[in-house]
Amino acid sequence: MGTHLCQLRKSKPKLDDGKSVKGSKHRLTDKTIDKLQTYYGNAIRANVKPGKLTPEEQKEQITIMRRAIMAVLYHTCELNNKERHKYCPPGPDSWCSYKRDGTLQRKDHHLDLVFLNFLLPEFKSLSEYSLLLRCLPGYSQNANESLNGLVWNRAPKHRYKGAHVVETAVMSAILSFNAGAASRQDVMKAANIPGGAFTLEGCTAKDEKRMSHSVRKTKTKEKERRRKIRQAKLAANQGETSYASGMFNEVDPLDFDASSSDDDDDDDYPLARLLDSNESEDSDDAPLAEIISRNQQK
């Protein structure tokens, strides 16, 4: 949601009221985008339904989820009360103060009326049946992202790595993910270089620190701290992100400027550099470079 809204904001500098999309109060600021992203996630998580469901039950639950998502948009835009709160949940326990108490205080992140038609297509796109159907069981990507993070710590995305290095990084990450740092002891033992008491002590201390860090990150205070850091980064980068899904799909591995890199590590050579290098046979990717070279000559 956050990435979609940032891209949408850049696509149309001004709206029908003649004012900029991005501004101060009641406009689509970085803080407002962050709130909409949070509310969108809350709307989905509050209406997940794990377990095996019939098609009718799935359709019913997705309808409820859609209403919760639309409530985020309509409640945020300044409309008349009947239109604004038509999707908000009723009752004394409702998160909507108007449905709960009959009053609503105007806040800075509430958007001007013109934003309803501007954001409605985006909210409809992000509440499609096929998308919400995948969200319905309430599965989390946290475990997958945690494993990915361990891989990227060992083989950073911004540096080109050969197949051998990536494969080693993946195996090391899986060991650490499944059994912690202490798993290195078994690898060292299998390689006939058993670790001593200090190695075991160091691995154990690292695992204890990792567990303590995980527990701390689940606390409300820490979550609020991370939210503030995220908002500060958005403000500093003016809504730009250094990474997003599919951002590197258009990167050409053959497009390389040798003058931009002083790194002579063969395993970090982009394919373009391997194609022109006399030492390409020493790299893990030499066979791949040779195939590409032959195809280009044809």
C-alpha atoms as a PDB file:
ATOM      1  CA  MET A   1       0.000   0.000   0.000  1.00  0.00           C
ATOM      2  CA  GLY A   2       2.720   2.478   0.946  1.00  0.00           C
ATOM      3  CA  THR A   3       4.699   1.951  -2.270  1.00  0.00           C
ATOM      4  CA  HIS A   4       1.541   2.173  -4.397  1.00  0.00           C
ATOM      5  CA  LEU A   5       0.529   5.474  -2.810  1.00  0.00           C
ATOM      6  CA  CYS A   6       4.013   6.974  -3.193  1.00  0.00           C
ATOM      7  CA  GLN A   7       4.026   6.074  -6.890  1.00  0.00           C
ATOM      8  CA  LEU A   8       0.491   7.411  -7.312  1.00  0.00           C
ATOM      9  CA  ARG A   9       1.469  10.689  -5.691  1.00  0.00           C
ATOM     10  CA  LYS A  10       4.326  11.155  -8.155  1.00  0.00           C
ATOM     11  CA  SER A  11       2.116  10.331 -11.148  1.00  0.00           C
ATOM     12  CA  LYS A  12      -0.174  13.350 -10.661  1.00  0.00           C
ATOM     13  CA  PRO A  13       1.375  16.440  -9.029  1.00  0.00           C
ATOM     14  CA  LYS A  14      -1.933  18.371  -8.793  1.00  0.00           C
ATOM     15  CA  LEU A  15      -5.548  17.350  -8.236  1.00  0.00           C
ATOM     16  CA  ASP A  16      -8.856  18.764  -9.469  1.00  0.00           C
ATOM     17  CA  ASP A  17      -8.871  21.411  -6.728  1.00  0.00           C
ATOM     18  CA  GLY A  18      -5.678  22.882  -8.195  1.00  0.00           C
ATOM     19  CA  LYS A  19      -3.602  22.012  -5.139  1.00  0.00           C
ATOM     20  CA  SER A  20      -0.610  19.723  -4.892  1.00  0.00           C
ATOM     21  CA  VAL A  21      -1.165  16.081  -3.901  1.00  0.00           C
ATOM     22  CA  LYS A  22       1.632  16.401  -1.398  1.00  0.00           C
ATOM     23  CA  GLY A  23       1.434  19.289   1.014  1.00  0.00           C
ATOM     24  CA  SER A  24       0.892  19.848   4.691  1.00  0.00           C
ATOM     25  CA  LYS A  25      -2.401  19.314   6.479  1.00  0.00           C
ATOM     26  CA  HIS A  26      -5.176  17.312   4.798  1.00  0.00           C
ATOM     27  CA  ARG A  27      -2.942  16.295   1.879  1.00  0.00           C
ATOM     28  CA  LEU A  28      -1.196  13.013   1.045  1.00  0.00           C
ATOM     29  CA  THR A  29       1.908  13.501   3.172  1.00  0.00           C
ATOM     30  CA  ASP A  30       4.418  10.793   4.085  1.00  0.00           C
ATOM     31  CA  LYS A  31       2.843  10.542   7.531  1.00  0.00           C
ATOM     32  CA  THR A  32      -0.620  10.068   6.023  1.00  0.00           C
ATOM     33  CA  ILE A  33       0.666   7.354   3.683  1.00  0.00           C
ATOM     34  CA  ASP A  34       2.222   5.572   6.651  1.00  0.00           C
ATOM     35  CA  LYS A  35      -1.083   5.714   8.530  1.00  0.00           C
ATOM     36  CA  LEU A  36      -3.094   4.453   5.547  1.00  0.00           C
ATOM     37  CA  GLN A  37      -0.637   1.595   5.124  1.00  0.00           C
ATOM     38  CA  THR A  38      -0.990   0.680   8.798  1.00  0.00           C
ATOM     39  CA  TYR A  39      -4.803   0.883   8.715  1.00  0.00           C
ATOM     40  CA  TYR A  40      -4.925  -1.220   5.531  1.00  0.00           C
ATOM     41  CA  GLY A  41      -2.856  -3.932   7.209  1.00  0.00           C
ATOM     42  CA  ASN A  42      -5.020  -3.776  10.335  1.00  0.00           C
ATOM     43  CA  ALA A  43      -8.188  -4.167   8.237  1.00  0.00           C
ATOM     44  CA  ILE A  44      -6.837  -7.379   6.719  1.00  0.00           C
ATOM     45  CA  ARG A  45      -5.401  -8.856   9.927  1.00  0.00           C
ATOM     46  CA  ALA A  46      -8.584  -8.145  11.894  1.00  0.00           C
ATOM     47  CA  ASN A  47     -10.659 -10.209   9.439  1.00  0.00           C
ATOM     48  CA  VAL A  48      -8.499 -13.244   8.673  1.00  0.00           C
ATOM     49  CA  LYS A  49     -10.139 -16.627   9.151  1.00  0.00           C
ATOM     50  CA  PRO A  50      -7.789 -19.629   9.283  1.00  0.00           C
ATOM     51  CA  GLY A  51      -8.944 -23.139   8.572  1.00  0.00           C
ATOM     52  CA  LYS A  52     -10.790 -24.828   5.759  1.00  0.00           C
ATOM     53  CA  LEU A  53     -13.684 -22.718   4.484  1.00  0.00           C
ATOM     54  CA  THR A  54     -16.399 -23.396   1.942  1.00  0.00           C
ATOM     55  CA  PRO A  55     -16.563 -21.101  -1.115  1.00  0.00           C
ATOM     56  CA  GLU A  56     -19.598 -19.369   0.417  1.00  0.00           C
ATOM     57  CA  GLU A  57     -17.753 -18.754   3.696  1.00  0.00           C
ATOM     58  CA  GLN A  58     -14.740 -17.434   1.811  1.00  0.00           C
ATOM     59  CA  LYS A  59     -16.893 -15.043  -0.200  1.00  0.00           C
ATOM     60  CA  GLU A  60     -18.664 -13.814   2.943  1.00  0.00           C
ATOM     61  CA  GLN A  61     -15.420 -13.218   4.848  1.00  0.00           C
ATOM     62  CA  ILE A  62     -13.773 -11.455   1.912  1.00  0.00           C
ATOM     63  CA  THR A  63     -16.811  -9.156   1.649  1.00  0.00           C
ATOM     64  CA  ILE A  64     -16.319  -8.230   5.314  1.00  0.00           C
ATOM     65  CA  MET A  65     -12.619  -7.648   4.685  1.00  0.00           C
ATOM     66  CA  ARG A  66     -13.386  -5.440   1.693  1.00  0.00           C
ATOM     67  CA  ARG A  67     -15.766  -3.304   3.751  1.00  0.00           C
ATOM     68  CA  ALA A  68     -13.053  -2.872   6.389  1.00  0.00           C
ATOM     69  CA  ILE A  69     -10.565  -1.755   3.715  1.00  0.00           C
ATOM     70  CA  MET A  70     -13.021   0.704   2.173  1.00  0.00           C
ATOM     71  CA  ALA A  71     -13.766   2.038   5.649  1.00  0.00           C
ATOM     72  CA  VAL A  72     -10.119   3.123   5.865  1.00  0.00           C
ATOM     73  CA  LEU A  73     -10.474   5.338   2.782  1.00  0.00           C
ATOM     74  CA  TYR A  74     -13.944   6.756   3.439  1.00  0.00           C
ATOM     75  CA  HIS A  75     -13.276   7.413   7.127  1.00  0.00           C
ATOM     76  CA  THR A  76     -10.058   9.273   6.251  1.00  0.00           C
ATOM     77  CA  CYS A  77     -11.705  11.558   3.664  1.00  0.00           C
ATOM     78  CA  GLU A  78     -13.796  14.522   4.797  1.00  0.00           C
ATOM     79  CA  LEU A  79     -17.306  13.677   3.580  1.00  0.00           C
ATOM     80  CA  ASN A  80     -20.721  14.165   5.122  1.00  0.00           C
ATOM     81  CA  ASN A  81     -21.246  11.888   8.114  1.00  0.00           C
ATOM     82  CA  LYS A  82     -23.620   9.459   6.388  1.00  0.00           C
ATOM     83  CA  GLU A  83     -21.297   8.870   3.444  1.00  0.00           C
ATOM     84  CA  ARG A  84     -18.106   8.983   5.460  1.00  0.00           C
ATOM     85  CA  HIS A  85     -19.042   6.312   7.991  1.00  0.00           C
ATOM     86  CA  LYS A  86     -21.115   3.943   5.856  1.00  0.00           C
ATOM     87  CA  TYR A  87     -18.392   1.272   5.968  1.00  0.00           C
ATOM     88  CA  CYS A  88     -17.317   1.817   9.594  1.00  0.00           C
ATOM     89  CA  PRO A  89     -18.242  -0.999  12.027  1.00  0.00           C
ATOM     90  CA  PRO A  90     -21.126  -0.125  14.390  1.00  0.00           C
ATOM     91  CA  GLY A  91     -21.372  -0.710  18.124  1.00  0.00           C
ATOM     92  CA  PRO A  92     -19.792   0.541  21.363  1.00  0.00           C
ATOM     93  CA  ASP A  93     -16.547  -1.342  20.629  1.00  0.00           C
ATOM     94  CA  SER A  94     -16.073   0.200  17.156  1.00  0.00           C
ATOM     95  CA  TRP A  95     -12.740   1.841  16.378  1.00  0.00           C
ATOM     96  CA  CYS A  96     -14.727   4.663  14.706  1.00  0.00           C
ATOM     97  CA  SER A  97     -15.426   7.391  17.274  1.00  0.00           C
ATOM     98  CA  TYR A  98     -18.463   8.593  15.308  1.00  0.00           C
ATOM     99  CA  LYS A  99     -20.099   5.141  15.401  1.00  0.00           C
ATOM    100  CA  ARG A 100     -19.059   4.740  19.022  1.00  0.00           C
ATOM    101  CA  ASP A 101     -19.708   8.190  20.515  1.00  0.00           C
ATOM    102  CA  GLY A 102     -21.466  10.144  17.772  1.00  0.00           C
ATOM    103  CA  THR A 103     -18.609  12.650  17.396  1.00  0.00           C
ATOM    104  CA  LEU A 104     -15.467  12.864  15.275  1.00  0.00           C
ATOM    105  CA  GLN A 105     -12.548  15.238  15.802  1.00  0.00           C
ATOM    106  CA  ARG A 106     -10.886  16.589  12.677  1.00  0.00           C
ATOM    107  CA  LYS A 107      -7.224  15.567  12.439  1.00  0.00           C
ATOM    108  CA  ASP A 108      -4.309  16.522  10.205  1.00  0.00           C
ATOM    109  CA  HIS A 109      -4.209  13.164   8.418  1.00  0.00           C
ATOM    110  CA  HIS A 110      -7.864  13.446   7.367  1.00  0.00           C
ATOM    111  CA  LEU A 111      -7.849  14.079   3.622  1.00  0.00           C
ATOM    112  CA  ASP A 112      -9.749  16.680   1.616  1.00  0.00           C
ATOM    113  CA  LEU A 113     -12.795  15.492  -0.333  1.00  0.00           C
ATOM    114  CA  VAL A 114     -10.928  15.474  -3.662  1.00  0.00           C
ATOM    115  CA  PHE A 115      -8.806  12.524  -2.520  1.00  0.00           C
ATOM    116  CA  LEU A 116     -11.767  10.111  -2.507  1.00  0.00           C
ATOM    117  CA  ASN A 117     -11.913   9.739  -6.289  1.00  0.00           C
ATOM    118  CA  PHE A 118      -8.128   9.980  -6.509  1.00  0.00           C
ATOM    119  CA  LEU A 119      -7.460   7.048  -4.153  1.00  0.00           C
ATOM    120  CA  LEU A 120     -10.562   4.922  -4.791  1.00  0.00           C
ATOM    121  CA  PRO A 121      -9.126   3.013  -7.811  1.00  0.00           C
ATOM    122  CA  GLU A 122      -6.009   2.165  -5.797  1.00  0.00           C
ATOM    123  CA  PHE A 123      -8.033   0.831  -2.864  1.00  0.00           C
ATOM    124  CA  LYS A 124     -10.207  -1.224  -5.223  1.00  0.00           C
ATOM    125  CA  SER A 125      -7.095  -2.675  -6.847  1.00  0.00           C
ATOM    126  CA  LEU A 126      -5.678  -3.654  -3.454  1.00  0.00           C
ATOM    127  CA  SER A 127      -8.949  -5.285  -2.371  1.00  0.00           C
ATOM    128  CA  GLU A 128      -9.432  -7.606  -5.343  1.00  0.00           C
ATOM    129  CA  TYR A 129     -10.917 -11.008  -4.574  1.00  0.00           C
ATOM    130  CA  SER A 130      -7.852 -12.996  -5.677  1.00  0.00           C
ATOM    131  CA  LEU A 131      -5.538 -10.904  -3.493  1.00  0.00           C
ATOM    132  CA  LEU A 132      -7.699 -11.063  -0.375  1.00  0.00           C
ATOM    133  CA  LEU A 133      -8.253 -14.789  -0.869  1.00  0.00           C
ATOM    134  CA  ARG A 134      -4.528 -15.326  -0.333  1.00  0.00           C
ATOM    135  CA  CYS A 135      -4.647 -13.140   2.787  1.00  0.00           C
ATOM    136  CA  LEU A 136      -7.648 -14.955   4.259  1.00  0.00           C
ATOM    137  CA  PRO A 137      -5.772 -17.765   6.105  1.00  0.00           C
ATOM    138  CA  GLY A 138      -3.657 -15.176   7.921  1.00  0.00           C
ATOM    139  CA  TYR A 139      -0.302 -16.674   7.007  1.00  0.00           C
ATOM    140  CA  SER A 140       2.777 -14.575   7.718  1.00  0.00           C
ATOM    141  CA  GLN A 141       5.796 -13.927   5.537  1.00  0.00           C
ATOM    142  CA  ASN A 142       7.920 -13.102   8.582  1.00  0.00           C
ATOM    143  CA  ALA A 143       9.669 -16.477   8.665  1.00  0.00           C
ATOM    144  CA  ASN A 144      10.521 -16.285   4.949  1.00  0.00           C
ATOM    145  CA  GLU A 145      11.750 -12.706   5.240  1.00  0.00           C
ATOM    146  CA  SER A 146      13.862 -13.637   8.269  1.00  0.00           C
ATOM    147  CA  LEU A 147      15.592 -16.379   6.281  1.00  0.00           C
ATOM    148  CA  ASN A 148      16.027 -14.011   3.317  1.00  0.00           C
ATOM    149  CA  GLY A 149      17.619 -11.469   5.651  1.00  0.00           C
ATOM    150  CA  LEU A 150      20.185 -14.032   6.799  1.00  0.00           C
ATOM    151  CA  VAL A 151      21.039 -14.813   3.175  1.00  0.00           C
ATOM    152  CA  TRP A 152      21.440 -11.139   2.218  1.00  0.00           C
ATOM    153  CA  ASN A 153      23.649 -10.505   5.267  1.00  0.00           C
ATOM    154  CA  ARG A 154      26.057 -13.061   3.854  1.00  0.00           C
ATOM    155  CA  ALA A 155      25.663 -12.117   0.180  1.00  0.00           C
ATOM    156  CA  PRO A 156      24.377  -8.500  -0.104  1.00  0.00           C
ATOM    157  CA  LYS A 157      22.005  -7.761  -2.986  1.00  0.00           C
ATOM    158  CA  HIS A 158      23.835  -4.652  -4.103  1.00  0.00           C
ATOM    159  CA  ARG A 159      26.991  -6.620  -4.941  1.00  0.00           C
ATOM    160  CA  TYR A 160      27.108  -9.216  -7.677  1.00  0.00           C
ATOM    161  CA  LYS A 161      27.934 -12.693  -6.363  1.00  0.00           C
ATOM    162  CA  GLY A 162      28.726 -15.902  -8.204  1.00  0.00           C
ATOM    163  CA  ALA A 163      26.738 -19.095  -7.858  1.00  0.00           C
ATOM    164  CA  HIS A 164      29.261 -20.666  -5.468  1.00  0.00           C
ATOM    165  CA  VAL A 165      29.127 -17.743  -3.011  1.00  0.00           C
ATOM    166  CA  VAL A 166      25.314 -17.520  -3.134  1.00  0.00           C
ATOM    167  CA  GLU A 167      24.977 -21.280  -2.608  1.00  0.00           C
ATOM    168  CA  THR A 168      27.332 -21.147   0.383  1.00  0.00           C
ATOM    169  CA  ALA A 169      25.450 -18.146   1.806  1.00  0.00           C
ATOM    170  CA  VAL A 170      22.117 -19.971   1.495  1.00  0.00           C
ATOM    171  CA  MET A 171      23.446 -23.096   3.232  1.00  0.00           C
ATOM    172  CA  SER A 172      24.971 -21.014   6.026  1.00  0.00           C
ATOM    173  CA  ALA A 173      21.714 -19.057   6.433  1.00  0.00           C
ATOM    174  CA  ILE A 174      19.621 -22.246   6.632  1.00  0.00           C
ATOM    175  CA  LEU A 175      21.930 -23.671   9.311  1.00  0.00           C
ATOM    176  CA  SER A 176      21.697 -20.474  11.335  1.00  0.00           C
ATOM    177  CA  PHE A 177      17.916 -20.222  10.856  1.00  0.00           C
ATOM    178  CA  ASN A 178      17.233 -23.834  11.915  1.00  0.00           C
ATOM    179  CA  ALA A 179      19.809 -24.408  14.637  1.00  0.00           C
ATOM    180  CA  GLY A 180      21.446 -21.075  15.429  1.00  0.00           C
ATOM    181  CA  ALA A 181      25.125 -20.169  15.460  1.00  0.00           C
ATOM    182  CA  ALA A 182      25.957 -23.328  17.429  1.00  0.00           C
ATOM    183  CA  SER A 183      25.312 -25.338  14.247  1.00  0.00           C
ATOM    184  CA  ARG A 184      28.737 -24.229  13.036  1.00  0.00           C
ATOM    185  CA  GLN A 185      30.229 -26.688  15.500  1.00  0.00           C
ATOM    186  CA  ASP A 186      28.823 -29.618  13.515  1.00  0.00           C
ATOM    187  CA  VAL A 187      30.126 -28.194  10.231  1.00  0.00           C
ATOM    188  CA  MET A 188      33.589 -27.702  11.689  1.00  0.00           C
ATOM    189  CA  LYS A 189      33.543 -31.208  13.125  1.00  0.00           C
ATOM    190  CA  ALA A 190      32.559 -32.687   9.741  1.00  0.00           C
ATOM    191  CA  ALA A 191      35.466 -30.768   8.170  1.00  0.00           C
ATOM    192  CA  ASN A 192      37.882 -32.284  10.746  1.00  0.00           C
ATOM    193  CA  ILE A 193      38.473 -28.906  12.409  1.00  0.00           C
ATOM    194  CA  PRO A 194      36.484 -29.289  15.649  1.00  0.00           C
ATOM    195  CA  GLY A 195      35.952 -26.090  17.608  1.00  0.00           C
ATOM    196  CA  GLY A 196      37.130 -25.642  21.134  1.00  0.00           C
ATOM    197  CA  ALA A 197      35.515 -24.337  24.291  1.00  0.00           C
ATOM    198  CA  PHE A 198      35.853 -20.685  23.253  1.00  0.00           C
ATOM    199  CA  THR A 199      34.156 -21.344  19.902  1.00  0.00           C
ATOM    200  CA  LEU A 200      31.227 -23.022  21.658  1.00  0.00           C
ATOM    201  CA  GLU A 201      31.031 -20.181  24.179  1.00  0.00           C
ATOM    202  CA  GLY A 202      31.004 -17.578  21.418  1.00  0.00           C
ATOM    203  CA  CYS A 203      28.284 -19.379  19.416  1.00  0.00           C
ATOM    204  CA  THR A 204      26.126 -19.824  22.515  1.00  0.00           C
ATOM    205  CA  ALA A 205      26.461 -16.146  23.417  1.00  0.00           C
ATOM    206  CA  LYS A 206      25.495 -15.164  19.869  1.00  0.00           C
ATOM    207  CA  ASP A 207      22.348 -17.331  20.009  1.00  0.00           C
ATOM    208  CA  GLU A 208      21.354 -15.894  23.388  1.00  0.00           C
ATOM    209  CA  LYS A 209      21.794 -12.358  22.063  1.00  0.00           C
ATOM    210  CA  ARG A 210      19.671 -13.178  19.009  1.00  0.00           C
ATOM    211  CA  MET A 211      16.848 -14.567  21.168  1.00  0.00           C
ATOM    212  CA  SER A 212      16.974 -11.557  23.495  1.00  0.00           C
ATOM    213  CA  HIS A 213      16.838  -9.229  20.490  1.00  0.00           C
ATOM    214  CA  SER A 214      13.807 -11.086  19.075  1.00  0.00           C
ATOM    215  CA  VAL A 215      11.903 -10.797  22.350  1.00  0.00           C
ATOM    216  CA  ARG A 216      12.693  -7.080  22.602  1.00  0.00           C
ATOM    217  CA  LYS A 217      11.443  -6.411  19.057  1.00  0.00           C
ATOM    218  CA  THR A 218       7.971  -7.764  19.900  1.00  0.00           C
ATOM    219  CA  LYS A 219       7.398  -5.159  22.629  1.00  0.00           C
ATOM    220  CA  THR A 220       5.038  -2.254  21.938  1.00  0.00           C
ATOM    221  CA  LYS A 221       7.665   0.352  22.800  1.00  0.00           C
ATOM    222  CA  GLU A 222      10.080  -1.102  20.261  1.00  0.00           C
ATOM    223  CA  LYS A 223       7.390  -1.271  17.559  1.00  0.00           C
ATOM    224  CA  GLU A 224       6.600   2.399  18.134  1.00  0.00           C
ATOM    225  CA  ARG A 225      10.302   3.255  17.888  1.00  0.00           C
ATOM    226  CA  ARG A 226      10.583   1.436  14.551  1.00  0.00           C
ATOM    227  CA  ARG A 227       7.483   3.237  13.273  1.00  0.00           C
ATOM    228  CA  LYS A 228       9.014   6.622  14.083  1.00  0.00           C
ATOM    229  CA  ILE A 229      12.274   5.645  12.394  1.00  0.00           C
ATOM    230  CA  ARG A 230      10.354   4.554   9.295  1.00  0.00           C
ATOM    231  CA  GLN A 231       8.506   7.872   9.178  1.00  0.00           C
ATOM    232  CA  ALA A 232      11.756   9.812   9.611  1.00  0.00           C
ATOM    233  CA  LYS A 233      13.356   7.891   6.722  1.00  0.00           C
ATOM    234  CA  LEU A 234      10.358   8.556   4.500  1.00  0.00           C
ATOM    235  CA  ALA A 235      10.543  12.252   5.292  1.00  0.00           C
ATOM    236  CA  ALA A 236      14.304  12.350   4.661  1.00  0.00           C
ATOM    237  CA  ASN A 237      13.990  10.504   1.335  1.00  0.00           C
ATOM    238  CA  GLN A 238      10.856  12.434   0.310  1.00  0.00           C
ATOM    239  CA  GLY A 239       8.868   9.229  -0.037  1.00  0.00           C
ATOM    240  CA  GLU A 240      11.496   7.450  -2.151  1.00  0.00           C
ATOM    241  CA  THR A 241      12.398   3.858  -1.260  1.00  0.00           C
ATOM    242  CA  SER A 242      15.693   2.088  -1.923  1.00  0.00           C
ATOM    243  CA  TYR A 243      13.983  -1.258  -2.367  1.00  0.00           C
ATOM    244  CA  ALA A 244      10.580  -2.462  -3.469  1.00  0.00           C
ATOM    245  CA  SER A 245       9.097  -5.576  -4.997  1.00  0.00           C
ATOM    246  CA  GLY A 246      10.176  -5.882  -8.635  1.00  0.00           C
ATOM    247  CA  MET A 247      12.372  -2.769  -8.495  1.00  0.00           C
ATOM    248  CA  PHE A 248      15.368  -4.561 -10.002  1.00  0.00           C
ATOM    249  CA  ASN A 249      13.499  -6.470 -12.701  1.00  0.00           C
ATOM    250  CA  GLU A 250      14.658  -4.013 -15.364  1.00  0.00           C
ATOM    251  CA  VAL A 251      18.341  -4.132 -14.367  1.00  0.00           C
ATOM    252  CA  ASP A 252      20.509  -5.467 -17.199  1.00  0.00           C
ATOM    253  CA  PRO A 253      23.347  -7.647 -15.831  1.00  0.00           C
ATOM    254  CA  LEU A 254      25.292  -6.982 -19.054  1.00  0.00           C
ATOM    255  CA  ASP A 255      25.165  -3.206 -18.548  1.00  0.00           C
ATOM    256  CA  PHE A 256      28.332  -2.505 -16.576  1.00  0.00           C
ATOM    257  CA  ASP A 257      30.717   0.423 -16.428  1.00  0.00           C
ATOM    258  CA  ALA A 258      34.155  -0.890 -15.480  1.00  0.00           C
ATOM    259  CA  SER A 259      35.291   2.575 -14.393  1.00  0.00           C
ATOM    260  CA  SER A 260      32.638   2.618 -11.633  1.00  0.00           C
ATOM    261  CA  SER A 261      34.223  -0.272  -9.718  1.00  0.00           C
ATOM    262  CA  ASP A 262      37.690  -0.858  -8.302  1.00  0.00           C
ATOM    263  CA  ASP A 263      36.868  -4.322  -6.978  1.00  0.00           C
ATOM    264  CA  ASP A 264      39.061  -6.996  -8.574  1.00  0.00           C
ATOM    265  CA  ASP A 265      37.404  -9.927  -6.815  1.00  0.00           C
ATOM    266  CA  ASP A 266      36.539 -12.313  -9.669  1.00  0.00           C
ATOM    267  CA  ASP A 267      33.450 -13.556  -7.887  1.00  0.00           C
ATOM    268  CA  ASP A 268      31.962 -10.056  -7.877  1.00  0.00           C
ATOM    269  CA  TYR A 269      32.380  -9.514 -11.632  1.00  0.00           C
ATOM    270  CA  PRO A 270      29.124  -8.676 -13.374  1.00  0.00           C
ATOM    271  CA  LEU A 271      28.538 -10.767 -16.476  1.00  0.00           C
ATOM    272  CA  ALA A 272      29.491  -7.900 -18.774  1.00  0.00           C
ATOM    273  CA  ARG A 273      32.939  -7.690 -17.190  1.00  0.00           C
ATOM    274  CA  LEU A 274      33.416 -11.467 -17.444  1.00  0.00           C
ATOM    275  CA  LEU A 275      32.649 -11.359 -21.148  1.00  0.00           C
ATOM    276  CA  ASP A 276      35.543  -8.960 -21.769  1.00  0.00           C
ATOM    277  CA  SER A 277      37.939 -10.413 -19.216  1.00  0.00           C
ATOM    278  CA  ASN A 278      40.803 -12.762 -20.020  1.00  0.00           C
ATOM    279  CA  GLU A 279      40.496 -14.213 -16.528  1.00  0.00           C
ATOM    280  CA  SER A 280      36.817 -15.190 -16.802  1.00  0.00           C
ATOM    281  CA  GLU A 281      37.675 -18.905 -16.574  1.00  0.00           C
ATOM    282  CA  ASP A 282      38.638 -18.367 -12.899  1.00  0.00           C
ATOM    283  CA  SER A 283      35.136 -17.254 -11.918  1.00  0.00           C
ATOM    284  CA  ASP A 284      32.167 -19.345 -10.829  1.00  0.00           C
ATOM    285  CA  ASP A 285      30.172 -17.754 -13.633  1.00  0.00           C
ATOM    286  CA  ALA A 286      32.704 -18.436 -16.387  1.00  0.00           C
ATOM    287  CA  PRO A 287      30.514 -21.131 -18.048  1.00  0.00           C
ATOM    288  CA  LEU A 288      27.526 -18.774 -18.068  1.00  0.00           C
ATOM    289  CA  ALA A 289      29.640 -15.943 -19.486  1.00  0.00           C
ATOM    290  CA  GLU A 290      30.995 -18.241 -22.190  1.00  0.00           C
ATOM    291  CA  ILE A 291      27.468 -19.296 -23.225  1.00  0.00           C
ATOM    292  CA  ILE A 292      26.301 -15.678 -23.446  1.00  0.00           C
ATOM    293  CA  SER A 293      29.373 -14.766 -25.466  1.00  0.00           C
ATOM    294  CA  ARG A 294      28.734 -17.552 -27.981  1.00  0.00           C
ATOM    295  CA  ASN A 295      25.079 -16.539 -28.322  1.00  0.00           C
ATOM    296  CA  GLN A 296      26.031 -12.924 -28.953  1.00  0.00           C
ATOM    297  CA  GLN A 297      28.475 -13.941 -31.690  1.00  0.00           C
ATOM    298  CA  LYS A 298      25.692 -15.850 -33.469  1.00  0.00           C
END
